[in-house]
Amino acid sequence: MRPAETDEAVRPGEPPQAYVARVAREKARAVPGAVVLAADTAVVLGETILGKPHDGADAARMLRALAGTRHQVLTAVCVRRNEPSPAREREVTVTTEVLFRPLTEEQIAWYVATGEPLDKAGAYALQGLGGALVAGVSGSVSGVVGLPLAEALSLLGEVGYPMPWGAR
């Protein structure tokens, strides 16, 4: 795994779906290799992208906004096959709806104190302690965690990447 050096700032007027697709595409193009798989995830409340919190107060603000609401998690995946030439590129954006439980100030303070939300988009990790804040998920659970597996495998197949279960 190699991190991509890309600008992940939201551009003025950029809609959430266009944002995650652009960032995933730029990540895939920034990393050399025969086949590159890149993804980007955004937590979206209404039309507002909730990025990674700057500090505990920012995390608490995001969690208060999410408490008792439905929001979307958008994960864009881009697969780029550079060899053999010419390059082939495929992408998809997966939308998952997440329902948060109503939260008390004590629950928010406890979760922020764990440190888990500080490096997570939307200030929570479904796969961690933040799973206790979630009442339900409609759509791709793996997309909320950061990589929608079924869709990623499909894209790899579309660019001709050999699957382990394919013909040998």
N, C-alpha and C. Protein backbone atom coordinates (compact mmCIF):
# COMPACT_ATOMS: atom_id res chain seq x y z
N MET A 1 0.85 -1.17 0.00
CA MET A 1 0.00 0.00 0.00
C MET A 1 0.90 1.24 0.00
N ARG A 2 0.61 2.16 -0.91
CA ARG A 2 1.35 3.42 -1.00
C ARG A 2 0.38 4.58 -0.92
N PRO A 3 0.59 5.51 0.00
CA PRO A 3 -0.30 6.67 0.06
C PRO A 3 -0.06 7.59 -1.14
N ALA A 4 -1.15 8.19 -1.61
CA ALA A 4 -1.06 9.11 -2.74
C ALA A 4 -0.94 10.53 -2.22
N GLU A 5 -0.11 11.30 -2.87
CA GLU A 5 0.02 12.73 -2.54
C GLU A 5 -0.98 13.50 -3.40
N THR A 6 -2.14 13.82 -2.84
CA THR A 6 -3.16 14.55 -3.58
C THR A 6 -3.78 15.61 -2.68
N ASP A 7 -4.36 16.61 -3.31
CA ASP A 7 -5.07 17.67 -2.59
C ASP A 7 -6.48 17.17 -2.29
N GLU A 8 -6.77 16.99 -1.01
CA GLU A 8 -8.08 16.48 -0.62
C GLU A 8 -9.04 17.59 -0.17
N ALA A 9 -8.70 18.83 -0.45
CA ALA A 9 -9.57 19.94 -0.08
C ALA A 9 -10.80 19.96 -0.99
N VAL A 10 -11.94 20.27 -0.41
CA VAL A 10 -13.17 20.42 -1.19
C VAL A 10 -13.08 21.74 -1.95
N ARG A 11 -13.35 21.69 -3.23
CA ARG A 11 -13.31 22.91 -4.05
C ARG A 11 -14.62 23.68 -3.88
N PRO A 12 -14.57 25.00 -4.01
CA PRO A 12 -15.79 25.80 -3.86
C PRO A 12 -16.89 25.32 -4.81
N GLY A 13 -18.08 25.07 -4.26
CA GLY A 13 -19.23 24.65 -5.04
C GLY A 13 -19.20 23.19 -5.48
N GLU A 14 -18.20 22.44 -5.05
CA GLU A 14 -18.08 21.04 -5.47
C GLU A 14 -19.06 20.17 -4.69
N PRO A 15 -19.98 19.49 -5.39
CA PRO A 15 -20.92 18.62 -4.71
C PRO A 15 -20.20 17.40 -4.10
N PRO A 16 -20.73 16.84 -3.02
CA PRO A 16 -20.07 15.72 -2.34
C PRO A 16 -19.72 14.55 -3.25
N GLN A 17 -20.64 14.12 -4.12
CA GLN A 17 -20.36 12.97 -4.98
C GLN A 17 -19.23 13.27 -5.96
N ALA A 18 -19.21 14.47 -6.52
CA ALA A 18 -18.13 14.86 -7.43
C ALA A 18 -16.80 14.95 -6.67
N TYR A 19 -16.87 15.41 -5.43
CA TYR A 19 -15.66 15.52 -4.60
C TYR A 19 -14.99 14.16 -4.38
N VAL A 20 -15.75 13.17 -3.88
CA VAL A 20 -15.12 11.87 -3.59
C VAL A 20 -14.63 11.20 -4.87
N ALA A 21 -15.37 11.34 -5.96
CA ALA A 21 -14.94 10.75 -7.23
C ALA A 21 -13.64 11.39 -7.71
N ARG A 22 -13.55 12.71 -7.62
CA ARG A 22 -12.33 13.42 -8.05
C ARG A 22 -11.14 12.99 -7.22
N VAL A 23 -11.30 12.94 -5.90
CA VAL A 23 -10.16 12.60 -5.04
C VAL A 23 -9.71 11.15 -5.29
N ALA A 24 -10.64 10.22 -5.42
CA ALA A 24 -10.26 8.82 -5.70
C ALA A 24 -9.52 8.73 -7.03
N ARG A 25 -10.02 9.43 -8.04
CA ARG A 25 -9.39 9.42 -9.36
C ARG A 25 -7.97 10.01 -9.29
N GLU A 26 -7.82 11.14 -8.59
CA GLU A 26 -6.51 11.76 -8.47
C GLU A 26 -5.53 10.88 -7.70
N LYS A 27 -6.03 10.19 -6.68
CA LYS A 27 -5.16 9.26 -5.94
C LYS A 27 -4.69 8.14 -6.86
N ALA A 28 -5.59 7.57 -7.66
CA ALA A 28 -5.23 6.47 -8.56
C ALA A 28 -4.21 6.92 -9.59
N ARG A 29 -4.31 8.14 -10.04
CA ARG A 29 -3.38 8.65 -11.06
C ARG A 29 -2.03 9.06 -10.47
N ALA A 30 -2.00 9.29 -9.15
CA ALA A 30 -0.78 9.77 -8.51
C ALA A 30 0.19 8.66 -8.10
N VAL A 31 -0.28 7.43 -8.08
CA VAL A 31 0.55 6.32 -7.61
C VAL A 31 0.97 5.46 -8.80
N PRO A 32 2.28 5.23 -8.96
CA PRO A 32 2.73 4.37 -10.06
C PRO A 32 2.43 2.90 -9.75
N GLY A 33 2.30 2.13 -10.79
CA GLY A 33 2.09 0.70 -10.63
C GLY A 33 1.29 0.15 -11.78
N ALA A 34 1.38 -1.16 -11.98
CA ALA A 34 0.65 -1.79 -13.07
C ALA A 34 -0.85 -1.65 -12.87
N VAL A 35 -1.31 -1.91 -11.64
CA VAL A 35 -2.73 -1.78 -11.30
C VAL A 35 -2.81 -1.02 -9.99
N VAL A 36 -3.60 0.04 -9.97
CA VAL A 36 -3.74 0.87 -8.78
C VAL A 36 -5.21 0.94 -8.41
N LEU A 37 -5.51 0.69 -7.14
CA LEU A 37 -6.86 0.83 -6.61
C LEU A 37 -6.81 1.94 -5.58
N ALA A 38 -7.66 2.95 -5.74
CA ALA A 38 -7.70 4.07 -4.81
C ALA A 38 -9.14 4.34 -4.40
N ALA A 39 -9.32 4.87 -3.20
CA ALA A 39 -10.67 5.16 -2.72
C ALA A 39 -10.64 6.42 -1.87
N ASP A 40 -11.80 7.04 -1.77
CA ASP A 40 -11.98 8.18 -0.87
C ASP A 40 -13.39 8.11 -0.31
N THR A 41 -13.52 8.45 0.96
CA THR A 41 -14.80 8.37 1.66
C THR A 41 -15.14 9.72 2.28
N ALA A 42 -16.42 10.09 2.18
CA ALA A 42 -16.90 11.32 2.81
C ALA A 42 -18.20 11.03 3.55
N VAL A 43 -18.32 11.60 4.72
CA VAL A 43 -19.57 11.56 5.48
C VAL A 43 -20.30 12.85 5.13
N VAL A 44 -21.57 12.70 4.72
CA VAL A 44 -22.33 13.85 4.22
C VAL A 44 -23.64 13.98 4.99
N LEU A 45 -23.84 15.13 5.57
CA LEU A 45 -25.08 15.46 6.27
C LEU A 45 -25.75 16.57 5.49
N GLY A 46 -26.88 16.25 4.84
CA GLY A 46 -27.50 17.19 3.91
C GLY A 46 -26.59 17.32 2.71
N GLU A 47 -26.04 18.49 2.48
CA GLU A 47 -25.06 18.70 1.42
C GLU A 47 -23.69 19.06 2.00
N THR A 48 -23.55 18.91 3.32
CA THR A 48 -22.31 19.30 3.99
C THR A 48 -21.41 18.08 4.18
N ILE A 49 -20.19 18.20 3.69
CA ILE A 49 -19.20 17.15 3.89
C ILE A 49 -18.58 17.34 5.27
N LEU A 50 -18.65 16.28 6.09
CA LEU A 50 -18.01 16.31 7.40
C LEU A 50 -16.67 15.60 7.29
N GLY A 51 -15.62 16.36 7.26
CA GLY A 51 -14.28 15.79 7.13
C GLY A 51 -13.78 15.25 8.46
N LYS A 52 -12.48 15.16 8.57
CA LYS A 52 -11.88 14.72 9.82
C LYS A 52 -11.88 15.90 10.79
N PRO A 53 -12.25 15.67 12.03
CA PRO A 53 -12.27 16.78 12.99
C PRO A 53 -10.86 17.30 13.29
N HIS A 54 -10.79 18.59 13.60
CA HIS A 54 -9.51 19.22 13.92
C HIS A 54 -9.08 18.93 15.35
N ASP A 55 -10.07 18.74 16.21
CA ASP A 55 -9.79 18.50 17.63
C ASP A 55 -11.03 17.91 18.28
N GLY A 56 -10.98 17.70 19.59
CA GLY A 56 -12.11 17.11 20.30
C GLY A 56 -13.37 17.93 20.23
N ALA A 57 -13.25 19.25 20.29
CA ALA A 57 -14.43 20.11 20.22
C ALA A 57 -15.09 20.00 18.85
N ASP A 58 -14.29 19.92 17.81
CA ASP A 58 -14.82 19.76 16.45
C ASP A 58 -15.50 18.39 16.31
N ALA A 59 -14.89 17.36 16.88
CA ALA A 59 -15.50 16.02 16.85
C ALA A 59 -16.84 16.03 17.56
N ALA A 60 -16.90 16.65 18.73
CA ALA A 60 -18.16 16.72 19.48
C ALA A 60 -19.23 17.48 18.69
N ARG A 61 -18.84 18.54 18.00
CA ARG A 61 -19.78 19.30 17.18
C ARG A 61 -20.36 18.42 16.07
N MET A 62 -19.50 17.66 15.40
CA MET A 62 -19.97 16.77 14.34
C MET A 62 -20.90 15.70 14.89
N LEU A 63 -20.54 15.11 16.02
CA LEU A 63 -21.37 14.05 16.60
C LEU A 63 -22.73 14.59 17.03
N ARG A 64 -22.77 15.80 17.57
CA ARG A 64 -24.06 16.43 17.91
C ARG A 64 -24.92 16.60 16.67
N ALA A 65 -24.30 17.00 15.57
CA ALA A 65 -25.04 17.21 14.32
C ALA A 65 -25.57 15.88 13.77
N LEU A 66 -24.82 14.80 13.93
CA LEU A 66 -25.22 13.49 13.42
C LEU A 66 -26.23 12.79 14.33
N ALA A 67 -26.23 13.11 15.61
CA ALA A 67 -27.07 12.41 16.59
C ALA A 67 -28.54 12.41 16.17
N GLY A 68 -29.12 11.22 16.14
CA GLY A 68 -30.54 11.07 15.83
C GLY A 68 -30.91 11.32 14.38
N THR A 69 -29.92 11.40 13.49
CA THR A 69 -30.21 11.71 12.08
C THR A 69 -29.77 10.58 11.17
N ARG A 70 -30.26 10.67 9.93
CA ARG A 70 -29.76 9.83 8.84
C ARG A 70 -28.78 10.68 8.04
N HIS A 71 -27.70 10.07 7.66
CA HIS A 71 -26.74 10.76 6.80
C HIS A 71 -26.21 9.75 5.79
N GLN A 72 -25.44 10.26 4.85
CA GLN A 72 -24.88 9.40 3.81
C GLN A 72 -23.36 9.29 3.97
N VAL A 73 -22.88 8.12 3.63
CA VAL A 73 -21.44 7.92 3.51
C VAL A 73 -21.20 7.58 2.04
N LEU A 74 -20.40 8.41 1.39
CA LEU A 74 -20.07 8.21 -0.02
C LEU A 74 -18.64 7.70 -0.11
N THR A 75 -18.46 6.59 -0.81
CA THR A 75 -17.12 6.09 -1.05
C THR A 75 -16.95 5.88 -2.54
N ALA A 76 -15.97 6.60 -3.09
CA ALA A 76 -15.63 6.44 -4.50
C ALA A 76 -14.42 5.54 -4.60
N VAL A 77 -14.46 4.63 -5.57
CA VAL A 77 -13.34 3.73 -5.84
C VAL A 77 -12.93 3.95 -7.29
N CYS A 78 -11.64 4.06 -7.52
CA CYS A 78 -11.10 4.18 -8.87
C CYS A 78 -10.02 3.11 -9.03
N VAL A 79 -10.14 2.33 -10.09
CA VAL A 79 -9.14 1.34 -10.43
C VAL A 79 -8.51 1.76 -11.75
N ARG A 80 -7.19 1.79 -11.77
CA ARG A 80 -6.46 2.19 -12.97
C ARG A 80 -5.44 1.09 -13.29
N ARG A 81 -5.53 0.60 -14.51
CA ARG A 81 -4.55 -0.39 -14.99
C ARG A 81 -3.67 0.31 -16.00
N ASN A 82 -2.40 0.49 -15.66
CA ASN A 82 -1.46 1.22 -16.50
C ASN A 82 -0.75 0.32 -17.50
N GLU A 83 -0.68 -0.97 -17.22
CA GLU A 83 -0.01 -1.92 -18.10
C GLU A 83 -0.94 -3.09 -18.36
N PRO A 84 -1.07 -3.59 -19.54
CA PRO A 84 -0.41 -3.09 -20.74
C PRO A 84 -1.04 -1.78 -21.19
N SER A 85 -0.28 -0.99 -21.92
CA SER A 85 -0.72 0.30 -22.41
C SER A 85 -1.77 0.08 -23.51
N PRO A 86 -2.75 0.92 -23.69
CA PRO A 86 -3.01 2.17 -22.98
C PRO A 86 -3.69 1.90 -21.64
N ALA A 87 -3.60 2.88 -20.77
CA ALA A 87 -4.19 2.76 -19.44
C ALA A 87 -5.71 2.61 -19.54
N ARG A 88 -6.26 1.83 -18.63
CA ARG A 88 -7.71 1.68 -18.51
C ARG A 88 -8.09 2.08 -17.10
N GLU A 89 -9.18 2.82 -17.00
CA GLU A 89 -9.60 3.34 -15.70
C GLU A 89 -11.10 3.15 -15.54
N ARG A 90 -11.50 2.69 -14.38
CA ARG A 90 -12.92 2.53 -14.05
C ARG A 90 -13.14 3.08 -12.66
N GLU A 91 -14.34 3.63 -12.45
CA GLU A 91 -14.65 4.16 -11.11
C GLU A 91 -16.14 3.99 -10.82
N VAL A 92 -16.43 3.99 -9.53
CA VAL A 92 -17.81 3.90 -9.06
C VAL A 92 -17.88 4.64 -7.72
N THR A 93 -19.03 5.22 -7.45
CA THR A 93 -19.28 5.82 -6.14
C THR A 93 -20.44 5.08 -5.50
N VAL A 94 -20.23 4.63 -4.28
CA VAL A 94 -21.23 3.87 -3.53
C VAL A 94 -21.78 4.75 -2.43
N THR A 95 -23.10 4.80 -2.34
CA THR A 95 -23.77 5.60 -1.30
C THR A 95 -24.41 4.67 -0.29
N THR A 96 -24.12 4.89 0.98
CA THR A 96 -24.69 4.11 2.06
C THR A 96 -25.35 5.08 3.03
N GLU A 97 -26.55 4.72 3.49
CA GLU A 97 -27.25 5.55 4.46
C GLU A 97 -27.01 4.99 5.86
N VAL A 98 -26.67 5.89 6.77
CA VAL A 98 -26.40 5.51 8.16
C VAL A 98 -27.35 6.28 9.07
N LEU A 99 -27.96 5.56 9.99
CA LEU A 99 -28.85 6.17 10.99
C LEU A 99 -28.13 6.18 12.33
N PHE A 100 -27.94 7.37 12.88
CA PHE A 100 -27.32 7.51 14.19
C PHE A 100 -28.38 7.46 15.28
N ARG A 101 -28.03 6.88 16.39
CA ARG A 101 -28.89 6.91 17.57
C ARG A 101 -28.91 8.33 18.13
N PRO A 102 -29.97 8.70 18.84
CA PRO A 102 -29.90 9.96 19.60
C PRO A 102 -28.77 9.81 20.63
N LEU A 103 -28.01 10.86 20.84
CA LEU A 103 -26.87 10.79 21.76
C LEU A 103 -26.99 11.83 22.85
N THR A 104 -26.57 11.45 24.05
CA THR A 104 -26.50 12.40 25.15
C THR A 104 -25.13 13.08 25.13
N GLU A 105 -25.02 14.17 25.84
CA GLU A 105 -23.72 14.85 25.95
C GLU A 105 -22.69 13.93 26.61
N GLU A 106 -23.14 13.10 27.53
CA GLU A 106 -22.23 12.16 28.20
C GLU A 106 -21.69 11.12 27.22
N GLN A 107 -22.55 10.62 26.34
CA GLN A 107 -22.11 9.65 25.36
C GLN A 107 -21.12 10.29 24.38
N ILE A 108 -21.41 11.50 23.96
CA ILE A 108 -20.51 12.21 23.04
C ILE A 108 -19.16 12.44 23.71
N ALA A 109 -19.17 12.92 24.96
CA ALA A 109 -17.92 13.18 25.68
C ALA A 109 -17.11 11.89 25.85
N TRP A 110 -17.79 10.79 26.17
CA TRP A 110 -17.10 9.51 26.33
C TRP A 110 -16.41 9.12 25.02
N TYR A 111 -17.16 9.18 23.92
CA TYR A 111 -16.60 8.75 22.64
C TYR A 111 -15.44 9.64 22.21
N VAL A 112 -15.59 10.94 22.35
CA VAL A 112 -14.50 11.85 21.99
C VAL A 112 -13.26 11.55 22.84
N ALA A 113 -13.46 11.25 24.13
CA ALA A 113 -12.34 10.96 25.03
C ALA A 113 -11.58 9.69 24.64
N THR A 114 -12.21 8.79 23.89
CA THR A 114 -11.50 7.59 23.44
C THR A 114 -10.42 7.92 22.41
N GLY A 115 -10.53 9.07 21.77
CA GLY A 115 -9.59 9.47 20.73
C GLY A 115 -9.92 8.91 19.36
N GLU A 116 -10.81 7.94 19.29
CA GLU A 116 -11.12 7.30 18.01
C GLU A 116 -11.65 8.26 16.95
N PRO A 117 -12.50 9.22 17.30
CA PRO A 117 -13.07 10.06 16.23
C PRO A 117 -12.11 11.08 15.63
N LEU A 118 -10.94 11.26 16.21
CA LEU A 118 -10.09 12.37 15.80
C LEU A 118 -9.46 12.22 14.41
N ASP A 119 -9.38 11.02 13.89
CA ASP A 119 -8.82 10.88 12.54
C ASP A 119 -9.79 10.18 11.59
N LYS A 120 -11.08 10.36 11.87
CA LYS A 120 -12.11 9.70 11.07
C LYS A 120 -13.03 10.73 10.44
N ALA A 121 -13.34 10.55 9.17
CA ALA A 121 -14.32 11.42 8.51
C ALA A 121 -15.64 11.32 9.25
N GLY A 122 -16.25 12.45 9.54
CA GLY A 122 -17.51 12.47 10.26
C GLY A 122 -17.36 12.20 11.74
N ALA A 123 -16.14 12.02 12.22
CA ALA A 123 -15.83 11.83 13.63
C ALA A 123 -16.32 10.51 14.22
N TYR A 124 -16.44 9.47 13.37
CA TYR A 124 -16.78 8.16 13.94
C TYR A 124 -16.24 7.04 13.07
N ALA A 125 -16.07 5.88 13.71
CA ALA A 125 -15.61 4.67 13.02
C ALA A 125 -16.63 3.57 13.28
N LEU A 126 -17.38 3.21 12.25
CA LEU A 126 -18.38 2.15 12.38
C LEU A 126 -17.75 0.85 12.85
N GLN A 127 -16.53 0.56 12.40
CA GLN A 127 -15.86 -0.69 12.72
C GLN A 127 -15.23 -0.69 14.11
N GLY A 128 -15.31 0.44 14.80
CA GLY A 128 -14.73 0.53 16.13
C GLY A 128 -15.79 0.82 17.18
N LEU A 129 -15.39 1.56 18.19
CA LEU A 129 -16.32 1.92 19.25
C LEU A 129 -17.48 2.76 18.73
N GLY A 130 -17.25 3.48 17.65
CA GLY A 130 -18.30 4.31 17.05
C GLY A 130 -19.48 3.50 16.56
N GLY A 131 -19.31 2.20 16.38
CA GLY A 131 -20.42 1.35 16.00
C GLY A 131 -21.55 1.40 17.02
N ALA A 132 -21.22 1.71 18.27
CA ALA A 132 -22.24 1.82 19.31
C ALA A 132 -23.15 3.03 19.11
N LEU A 133 -22.74 3.98 18.27
CA LEU A 133 -23.53 5.18 18.03
C LEU A 133 -24.53 5.00 16.89
N VAL A 134 -24.38 3.90 16.16
CA VAL A 134 -25.15 3.68 14.93
C VAL A 134 -26.33 2.76 15.20
N ALA A 135 -27.52 3.21 14.79
CA ALA A 135 -28.73 2.40 14.95
C ALA A 135 -28.96 1.49 13.74
N GLY A 136 -28.49 1.90 12.57
CA GLY A 136 -28.71 1.08 11.38
C GLY A 136 -27.93 1.56 10.19
N VAL A 137 -27.73 0.64 9.25
CA VAL A 137 -27.00 0.93 8.01
C VAL A 137 -27.81 0.34 6.86
N SER A 138 -28.01 1.14 5.83
CA SER A 138 -28.69 0.67 4.63
C SER A 138 -27.73 0.84 3.46
N GLY A 139 -27.23 -0.29 2.97
CA GLY A 139 -26.27 -0.24 1.88
C GLY A 139 -25.01 -0.97 2.26
N SER A 140 -23.90 -0.54 1.69
CA SER A 140 -22.62 -1.22 1.84
C SER A 140 -21.94 -0.88 3.16
N VAL A 141 -21.90 -1.86 4.07
CA VAL A 141 -21.18 -1.66 5.33
C VAL A 141 -19.70 -1.48 5.06
N SER A 142 -19.14 -2.25 4.12
CA SER A 142 -17.71 -2.11 3.82
C SER A 142 -17.42 -0.74 3.19
N GLY A 143 -18.42 -0.14 2.54
CA GLY A 143 -18.25 1.21 2.01
C GLY A 143 -18.11 2.24 3.11
N VAL A 144 -18.82 2.05 4.21
CA VAL A 144 -18.72 2.97 5.35
C VAL A 144 -17.34 2.84 5.99
N VAL A 145 -16.82 1.63 6.03
CA VAL A 145 -15.50 1.40 6.61
C VAL A 145 -14.41 1.97 5.71
N GLY A 146 -14.68 2.12 4.41
CA GLY A 146 -13.73 2.78 3.53
C GLY A 146 -13.46 2.12 2.20
N LEU A 147 -13.93 0.88 1.99
CA LEU A 147 -13.72 0.25 0.69
C LEU A 147 -14.87 -0.71 0.41
N PRO A 148 -15.79 -0.32 -0.47
CA PRO A 148 -16.89 -1.23 -0.82
C PRO A 148 -16.33 -2.42 -1.63
N LEU A 149 -16.24 -3.55 -0.96
CA LEU A 149 -15.51 -4.69 -1.52
C LEU A 149 -16.10 -5.24 -2.80
N ALA A 150 -17.41 -5.45 -2.87
CA ALA A 150 -18.02 -6.02 -4.08
C ALA A 150 -17.76 -5.13 -5.29
N GLU A 151 -17.93 -3.84 -5.11
CA GLU A 151 -17.73 -2.91 -6.21
C GLU A 151 -16.26 -2.81 -6.61
N ALA A 152 -15.35 -2.84 -5.63
CA ALA A 152 -13.92 -2.78 -5.93
C ALA A 152 -13.49 -4.01 -6.74
N LEU A 153 -13.97 -5.18 -6.35
CA LEU A 153 -13.63 -6.40 -7.10
C LEU A 153 -14.19 -6.35 -8.52
N SER A 154 -15.39 -5.82 -8.67
CA SER A 154 -15.98 -5.69 -10.00
C SER A 154 -15.14 -4.79 -10.89
N LEU A 155 -14.69 -3.65 -10.36
CA LEU A 155 -13.85 -2.74 -11.14
C LEU A 155 -12.52 -3.39 -11.53
N LEU A 156 -11.93 -4.13 -10.59
CA LEU A 156 -10.67 -4.82 -10.91
C LEU A 156 -10.88 -5.79 -12.08
N GLY A 157 -12.00 -6.51 -12.06
CA GLY A 157 -12.31 -7.41 -13.16
C GLY A 157 -12.51 -6.68 -14.47
N GLU A 158 -13.14 -5.50 -14.42
CA GLU A 158 -13.40 -4.73 -15.64
C GLU A 158 -12.12 -4.26 -16.32
N VAL A 159 -11.05 -4.02 -15.55
CA VAL A 159 -9.79 -3.60 -16.17
C VAL A 159 -8.89 -4.79 -16.49
N GLY A 160 -9.40 -6.00 -16.29
CA GLY A 160 -8.65 -7.19 -16.67
C GLY A 160 -7.73 -7.73 -15.62
N TYR A 161 -7.88 -7.31 -14.38
CA TYR A 161 -7.05 -7.85 -13.31
C TYR A 161 -7.50 -9.27 -13.02
N PRO A 162 -6.58 -10.23 -12.98
CA PRO A 162 -6.98 -11.63 -12.76
C PRO A 162 -7.48 -11.86 -11.33
N MET A 163 -8.65 -12.43 -11.24
CA MET A 163 -9.23 -12.77 -9.95
C MET A 163 -8.75 -14.17 -9.53
N PRO A 164 -8.55 -14.39 -8.25
CA PRO A 164 -8.04 -15.69 -7.81
C PRO A 164 -9.00 -16.84 -8.10
N TRP A 165 -10.27 -16.57 -8.30
CA TRP A 165 -11.24 -17.62 -8.57
C TRP A 165 -11.48 -17.80 -10.08
N GLY A 166 -10.77 -17.01 -10.90
CA GLY A 166 -10.96 -17.08 -12.36
C GLY A 166 -10.19 -18.24 -12.97
N ALA A 167 -10.33 -18.36 -14.29
CA ALA A 167 -9.66 -19.42 -15.04
C ALA A 167 -8.15 -19.24 -14.93
N ARG A 168 -7.45 -20.35 -14.81
CA ARG A 168 -5.98 -20.29 -14.69
C ARG A 168 -5.33 -20.87 -15.91
